[in-house]
Amino acid sequence: MKLIIFLTALAILALSPFMGETPLDIQKIFDPEAMEYLLFWDLRFPRVAVAFVSGAILALGGMVFQAVFRNALTTPFTLGVSSGATLATAIGIIFLPASLIAFSPLFSFLGAFSTVLLLFIFARTLNAMETNSLLLIGIALSFFYSAALMVLFYISSLQESYSILRFTMGSLNVVGFTNVYPVMGAALVLLGVVLGYRHELRLILTSYDNAFLKGIEIKKINLILLFFVSLSVGVSVSVVGPIGFVGLVIPHVIRLIYKQSSDKLILPIFFYGGVFLVLCDLIARNLGTVSEVPIGVVTSFVGGPFFIYLILKRRTNNG
């Protein structure tokens, strides 16, 4: 079963760049003079690459958040990082001159990063066991950012409102690898950090008391993990926008398949998170609609029912 899933995932990754509304002549993708060369190397291949690394960040980030907060329903967007990036992007779209609108992704990253710094200021007043308090602060920040975003919608023009709305739905439309490299770097850094702390993560997953008795500095480890997850998510959101539910769905599905604790599933969650978003993008751009379906819509259609299922399952188990 696991081998079949893995081979299917490899097939999805291998075939995705070649599938789309415009058919490709494979023999021409290595001819710089052909249209197929431009379509494959500047559009489709970078798109699949950014989808994979973004999905990997979101899935691995979801696993880390669920471990740190000991809550199966938390995701990388729980602490308001995504909302902060969206608000900052909206500010850039509305107030930047037209000649500088290309710098709006920088605003997105700064919004996410400033949210991380704000959370760390709050975290300094909490002890290691008060992760739920930090979670509630993140939720409160999300509500505040959402309210501020509504104000910006009110004062924006029709074109600006449309641009903001499109950003909130997520988009994998990238041209070339210029925007892919930062997300790829963030994904590799996050993977390295989580692998480096997998021993501490295993103890934290067991219990905070056990981790403390083993000499683990729980607050320090939690803050390091949350920092790198939030930073990586901020980089991803600045390029592809907020894409929900990947960090919720994939960690649970992989745990169901492998039936192991999360600290032993770091690489599978990273890999299948990327494959899942590539698959969702493949669906989004091959529905035959007049315009491409936003990737956030596809992931929400999958993640929404799954989220309800998890809540009902938790209630049944607790009952």
Protein backbone atom coordinates (compact mmCIF):
# COMPACT_ATOMS: atom_id res chain seq x y z
CA MET A 1 0.00 0.00 0.00
CA LYS A 2 2.74 2.46 0.99
CA LEU A 3 4.76 1.56 -2.12
CA ILE A 4 1.74 2.14 -4.38
CA ILE A 5 1.10 5.55 -2.80
CA PHE A 6 4.77 6.50 -3.17
CA LEU A 7 4.91 5.44 -6.83
CA THR A 8 1.68 7.31 -7.53
CA ALA A 9 3.16 10.42 -5.92
CA LEU A 10 6.27 10.15 -8.09
CA ALA A 11 4.08 9.76 -11.18
CA ILE A 12 2.13 12.91 -10.26
CA LEU A 13 5.36 14.89 -9.89
CA ALA A 14 6.78 13.55 -13.15
CA LEU A 15 3.65 14.13 -15.24
CA SER A 16 2.43 17.46 -13.82
CA PRO A 17 4.71 19.75 -15.89
CA PHE A 18 3.52 18.06 -19.08
CA MET A 19 -0.21 18.31 -18.35
CA GLY A 20 -2.29 21.37 -19.13
CA GLU A 21 -4.73 22.93 -21.55
CA THR A 22 -1.96 23.48 -24.11
CA PRO A 23 -0.47 20.17 -25.30
CA LEU A 24 3.31 19.88 -25.34
CA ASP A 25 5.54 18.31 -27.96
CA ILE A 26 8.12 16.72 -25.65
CA GLN A 27 10.76 16.72 -28.37
CA LYS A 28 10.66 20.52 -28.51
CA ILE A 29 11.04 21.33 -24.81
CA PHE A 30 14.84 21.35 -25.21
CA ASP A 31 14.72 23.63 -28.26
CA PRO A 32 15.22 27.26 -27.08
CA GLU A 33 13.57 28.53 -30.26
CA ALA A 34 10.34 26.60 -29.72
CA MET A 35 7.27 27.80 -27.82
CA GLU A 36 7.25 24.53 -25.89
CA TYR A 37 10.64 25.42 -24.40
CA LEU A 38 9.28 28.67 -22.94
CA LEU A 39 6.02 27.06 -21.80
CA PHE A 40 7.79 24.21 -20.03
CA TRP A 41 10.86 25.85 -18.46
CA ASP A 42 9.45 29.32 -17.66
CA LEU A 43 5.88 28.46 -16.72
CA ARG A 44 5.00 24.86 -15.97
CA PHE A 45 8.18 23.51 -14.38
CA PRO A 46 8.64 26.53 -12.04
CA ARG A 47 4.94 26.28 -11.15
CA VAL A 48 5.24 22.63 -10.15
CA ALA A 49 8.43 23.41 -8.22
CA VAL A 50 6.88 26.26 -6.22
CA ALA A 51 3.77 24.16 -5.57
CA PHE A 52 5.89 21.31 -4.19
CA VAL A 53 8.07 23.39 -1.86
CA SER A 54 5.10 25.51 -0.67
CA GLY A 55 3.06 22.40 0.09
CA ALA A 56 6.04 20.87 1.88
CA ILE A 57 6.43 23.98 4.08
CA LEU A 58 2.74 24.07 4.97
CA ALA A 59 2.51 20.35 5.75
CA LEU A 60 5.67 20.22 7.87
CA GLY A 61 4.66 23.46 9.57
CA GLY A 62 1.29 21.93 10.41
CA MET A 63 2.97 18.92 12.00
CA VAL A 64 5.22 21.13 14.12
CA PHE A 65 2.34 23.36 15.26
CA GLN A 66 0.24 20.33 16.22
CA ALA A 67 3.16 18.97 18.25
CA VAL A 68 4.04 22.24 19.99
CA PHE A 69 0.45 23.19 20.81
CA ARG A 70 -0.60 19.57 21.43
CA ASN A 71 -3.72 20.30 19.40
CA ALA A 72 -4.60 18.25 16.31
CA LEU A 73 -6.48 21.16 14.72
CA THR A 74 -3.77 23.82 14.61
CA THR A 75 -2.08 24.87 11.36
CA PRO A 76 0.74 27.23 10.31
CA PHE A 77 -1.86 30.00 9.96
CA THR A 78 -3.11 29.67 13.54
CA LEU A 79 -0.82 32.34 14.98
CA GLY A 80 -1.91 34.99 12.49
CA VAL A 81 1.20 34.81 10.31
CA SER A 82 -0.86 34.38 7.14
CA SER A 83 -3.30 37.13 8.15
CA GLY A 84 -0.40 39.49 8.84
CA ALA A 85 1.09 38.79 5.42
CA THR A 86 -2.27 39.32 3.72
CA LEU A 87 -2.86 42.63 5.50
CA ALA A 88 0.61 43.91 4.62
CA THR A 89 0.12 42.88 0.99
CA ALA A 90 -3.18 44.77 0.90
CA ILE A 91 -1.41 47.86 2.28
CA GLY A 92 1.19 47.55 -0.46
CA ILE A 93 -1.42 47.14 -3.21
CA ILE A 94 -3.40 50.19 -2.08
CA PHE A 95 -0.69 52.64 -1.07
CA LEU A 96 2.30 51.76 -3.28
CA PRO A 97 2.61 53.70 -6.56
CA ALA A 98 1.84 51.64 -9.66
CA SER A 99 5.54 51.64 -10.59
CA LEU A 100 6.41 49.91 -7.28
CA ILE A 101 3.52 47.42 -7.11
CA ALA A 102 5.96 44.62 -7.95
CA PHE A 103 7.34 45.04 -4.39
CA SER A 104 4.05 43.96 -2.77
CA PRO A 105 5.47 40.43 -2.09
CA LEU A 106 8.12 42.14 0.05
CA PHE A 107 5.29 43.73 2.07
CA SER A 108 3.80 40.26 2.47
CA PHE A 109 7.02 38.89 3.94
CA LEU A 110 7.44 41.90 6.22
CA GLY A 111 3.86 41.45 7.45
CA ALA A 112 4.52 37.82 8.30
CA PHE A 113 7.90 38.57 9.89
CA SER A 114 6.56 41.45 12.00
CA THR A 115 3.80 39.13 13.26
CA VAL A 116 6.45 36.59 14.28
CA LEU A 117 8.38 39.29 16.18
CA LEU A 118 5.20 40.47 17.87
CA LEU A 119 4.39 36.93 18.97
CA PHE A 120 7.89 36.50 20.37
CA ILE A 121 7.45 39.64 22.45
CA PHE A 122 4.26 38.14 23.89
CA ALA A 123 5.90 34.74 24.31
CA ARG A 124 8.59 36.20 26.59
CA THR A 125 5.90 36.80 29.22
CA LEU A 126 4.61 33.20 29.07
CA ASN A 127 6.13 30.08 30.57
CA ALA A 128 6.86 26.92 28.60
CA MET A 129 3.51 25.29 29.39
CA GLU A 130 1.35 28.21 28.26
CA THR A 131 1.24 27.37 24.57
CA ASN A 132 -2.54 27.68 24.60
CA SER A 133 -2.19 31.31 25.67
CA LEU A 134 0.11 31.98 22.70
CA LEU A 135 -2.41 30.22 20.48
CA LEU A 136 -5.21 32.48 21.73
CA ILE A 137 -3.03 35.55 21.14
CA GLY A 138 -2.47 34.37 17.57
CA ILE A 139 -6.21 33.94 17.04
CA ALA A 140 -6.83 37.42 18.45
CA LEU A 141 -4.22 38.85 16.07
CA SER A 142 -5.94 37.09 13.16
CA PHE A 143 -9.25 38.74 14.06
CA PHE A 144 -7.57 42.13 14.36
CA TYR A 145 -5.85 41.73 10.99
CA SER A 146 -9.12 40.63 9.39
CA ALA A 147 -10.88 43.71 10.72
CA ALA A 148 -8.10 45.96 9.40
CA LEU A 149 -8.33 44.18 6.03
CA MET A 150 -12.05 44.95 5.86
CA VAL A 151 -11.24 48.64 6.36
CA LEU A 152 -8.76 48.46 3.48
CA PHE A 153 -11.37 46.79 1.29
CA TYR A 154 -13.73 49.66 2.10
CA ILE A 155 -11.29 52.39 1.04
CA SER A 156 -9.80 50.55 -1.96
CA SER A 157 -10.78 50.90 -5.60
CA LEU A 158 -12.47 48.10 -7.53
CA GLN A 159 -9.20 47.05 -9.15
CA GLU A 160 -7.33 47.12 -5.82
CA SER A 161 -10.09 45.07 -4.15
CA TYR A 162 -9.87 42.50 -6.93
CA SER A 163 -6.07 42.25 -6.56
CA ILE A 164 -6.36 41.76 -2.80
CA LEU A 165 -9.09 39.16 -3.20
CA ARG A 166 -7.06 37.23 -5.76
CA PHE A 167 -4.09 37.22 -3.39
CA THR A 168 -6.18 35.83 -0.52
CA MET A 169 -7.23 32.88 -2.72
CA GLY A 170 -3.63 31.89 -3.42
CA SER A 171 -1.94 31.58 -6.79
CA LEU A 172 0.90 29.48 -8.15
CA ASN A 173 1.35 31.60 -11.26
CA VAL A 174 5.10 32.20 -11.32
CA VAL A 175 7.31 32.98 -14.31
CA GLY A 176 10.81 31.55 -14.17
CA PHE A 177 12.63 30.52 -11.00
CA THR A 178 13.26 33.98 -9.54
CA ASN A 179 10.39 33.62 -7.06
CA VAL A 180 10.89 29.88 -6.59
CA TYR A 181 14.38 30.05 -5.08
CA PRO A 182 13.40 31.90 -1.85
CA VAL A 183 10.59 29.40 -1.15
CA MET A 184 12.90 26.49 -1.96
CA GLY A 185 15.53 27.87 0.42
CA ALA A 186 12.94 28.38 3.17
CA ALA A 187 11.70 24.80 2.72
CA LEU A 188 15.19 23.31 3.01
CA VAL A 189 16.03 25.42 6.07
CA LEU A 190 12.79 24.40 7.77
CA LEU A 191 13.39 20.73 6.97
CA GLY A 192 16.94 20.95 8.34
CA VAL A 193 15.80 22.64 11.57
CA VAL A 194 12.98 20.16 12.23
CA LEU A 195 15.25 17.18 11.51
CA GLY A 196 17.85 18.71 13.81
CA TYR A 197 15.34 18.90 16.67
CA ARG A 198 13.56 15.60 15.99
CA HIS A 199 14.83 14.10 19.28
CA GLU A 200 13.50 17.03 21.29
CA LEU A 201 10.29 16.94 19.26
CA ARG A 202 9.78 13.29 20.13
CA LEU A 203 10.08 14.05 23.85
CA ILE A 204 7.73 17.03 23.59
CA LEU A 205 5.20 14.84 21.77
CA THR A 206 5.36 12.33 24.63
CA SER A 207 4.67 14.94 27.31
CA TYR A 208 6.01 18.26 28.54
CA ASP A 209 6.79 16.72 31.93
CA ASN A 210 8.85 13.93 30.36
CA ALA A 211 10.71 16.42 28.15
CA PHE A 212 11.47 18.62 31.16
CA LEU A 213 12.80 15.66 33.17
CA LYS A 214 15.06 14.77 30.23
CA GLY A 215 16.63 18.23 30.39
CA ILE A 216 14.87 19.73 27.37
CA GLU A 217 14.46 23.51 27.43
CA ILE A 218 10.84 23.35 26.30
CA LYS A 219 10.21 27.07 25.88
CA LYS A 220 13.43 27.59 23.91
CA ILE A 221 12.75 24.61 21.58
CA ASN A 222 9.13 25.63 21.05
CA LEU A 223 10.11 29.19 20.17
CA ILE A 224 12.85 28.06 17.77
CA LEU A 225 10.48 25.70 15.96
CA LEU A 226 7.66 28.26 15.83
CA PHE A 227 10.06 30.92 14.58
CA PHE A 228 11.36 28.88 11.67
CA VAL A 229 7.90 27.58 10.74
CA SER A 230 6.42 31.07 10.80
CA LEU A 231 9.34 32.50 8.84
CA SER A 232 9.11 29.78 6.20
CA VAL A 233 5.36 30.22 5.91
CA GLY A 234 5.90 33.97 5.56
CA VAL A 235 8.27 33.42 2.63
CA SER A 236 5.81 31.02 1.01
CA VAL A 237 2.81 33.33 1.49
CA SER A 238 4.74 36.27 0.03
CA VAL A 239 5.09 34.32 -3.24
CA VAL A 240 1.95 32.16 -3.57
CA GLY A 241 -0.46 33.79 -1.14
CA PRO A 242 -2.25 32.10 1.78
CA ILE A 243 -3.18 28.49 0.93
CA GLY A 244 -5.20 26.84 3.66
CA PHE A 245 -5.74 23.33 4.98
CA VAL A 246 -2.54 21.71 3.62
CA GLY A 247 -0.99 21.82 7.10
CA LEU A 248 -4.15 20.29 8.55
CA VAL A 249 -4.84 17.49 6.08
CA ILE A 250 -1.43 16.03 5.26
CA PRO A 251 0.00 15.36 8.78
CA HIS A 252 -3.16 13.47 9.75
CA VAL A 253 -3.35 11.48 6.52
CA ILE A 254 0.32 10.46 6.73
CA ARG A 255 -0.07 9.40 10.37
CA LEU A 256 -3.06 7.26 9.36
CA ILE A 257 -1.05 5.60 6.57
CA TYR A 258 2.23 5.01 8.42
CA LYS A 259 0.80 4.66 11.95
CA GLN A 260 3.88 6.20 13.57
CA SER A 261 4.53 9.25 15.72
CA SER A 262 5.14 12.57 13.97
CA ASP A 263 8.87 12.73 14.78
CA LYS A 264 9.41 9.64 12.59
CA LEU A 265 7.34 11.07 9.75
CA ILE A 266 9.16 14.34 9.08
CA LEU A 267 10.37 13.40 5.59
CA PRO A 268 7.10 11.70 4.48
CA ILE A 269 5.02 14.68 5.64
CA PHE A 270 7.41 17.07 3.86
CA PHE A 271 7.29 15.02 0.65
CA TYR A 272 3.56 14.29 0.53
CA GLY A 273 2.68 17.85 1.48
CA GLY A 274 4.45 18.96 -1.67
CA VAL A 275 2.80 16.26 -3.79
CA PHE A 276 -0.65 17.14 -2.42
CA LEU A 277 -0.36 20.79 -3.47
CA VAL A 278 1.01 19.76 -6.90
CA LEU A 279 -2.03 17.49 -7.31
CA CYS A 280 -4.44 20.24 -6.23
CA ASP A 281 -2.79 22.61 -8.73
CA LEU A 282 -3.06 19.97 -11.44
CA ILE A 283 -6.80 19.79 -10.77
CA ALA A 284 -7.16 23.59 -10.62
CA ARG A 285 -5.60 24.20 -14.03
CA ASN A 286 -7.24 21.30 -15.89
CA LEU A 287 -10.93 21.81 -15.11
CA GLY A 288 -11.62 23.36 -18.48
CA THR A 289 -13.00 26.58 -16.98
CA VAL A 290 -12.67 29.98 -18.68
CA SER A 291 -10.22 31.14 -16.02
CA GLU A 292 -8.05 29.10 -13.71
CA VAL A 293 -9.62 28.07 -10.40
CA PRO A 294 -7.58 29.59 -7.50
CA ILE A 295 -5.52 26.96 -5.72
CA GLY A 296 -6.88 28.03 -2.33
CA VAL A 297 -10.39 27.12 -3.47
CA VAL A 298 -9.33 23.56 -4.37
CA THR A 299 -7.49 22.95 -1.09
CA SER A 300 -10.44 24.37 0.87
CA PHE A 301 -12.86 22.00 -0.87
CA VAL A 302 -10.66 19.12 0.31
CA GLY A 303 -9.69 20.53 3.70
CA GLY A 304 -13.08 21.85 4.85
CA PRO A 305 -14.84 18.48 5.06
CA PHE A 306 -11.70 16.90 6.49
CA PHE A 307 -11.61 19.56 9.24
CA ILE A 308 -15.23 18.76 10.16
CA TYR A 309 -14.37 15.05 10.19
CA LEU A 310 -11.49 15.64 12.63
CA ILE A 311 -13.68 17.66 14.98
CA LEU A 312 -16.40 14.98 14.99
CA LYS A 313 -13.81 12.24 15.46
CA ARG A 314 -12.26 14.05 18.44
CA ARG A 315 -15.70 14.50 19.97
CA THR A 316 -16.47 10.78 19.51
CA ASN A 317 -13.13 9.77 21.06
CA ASN A 318 -13.61 12.11 24.01
CA GLY A 319 -17.18 10.97 24.47
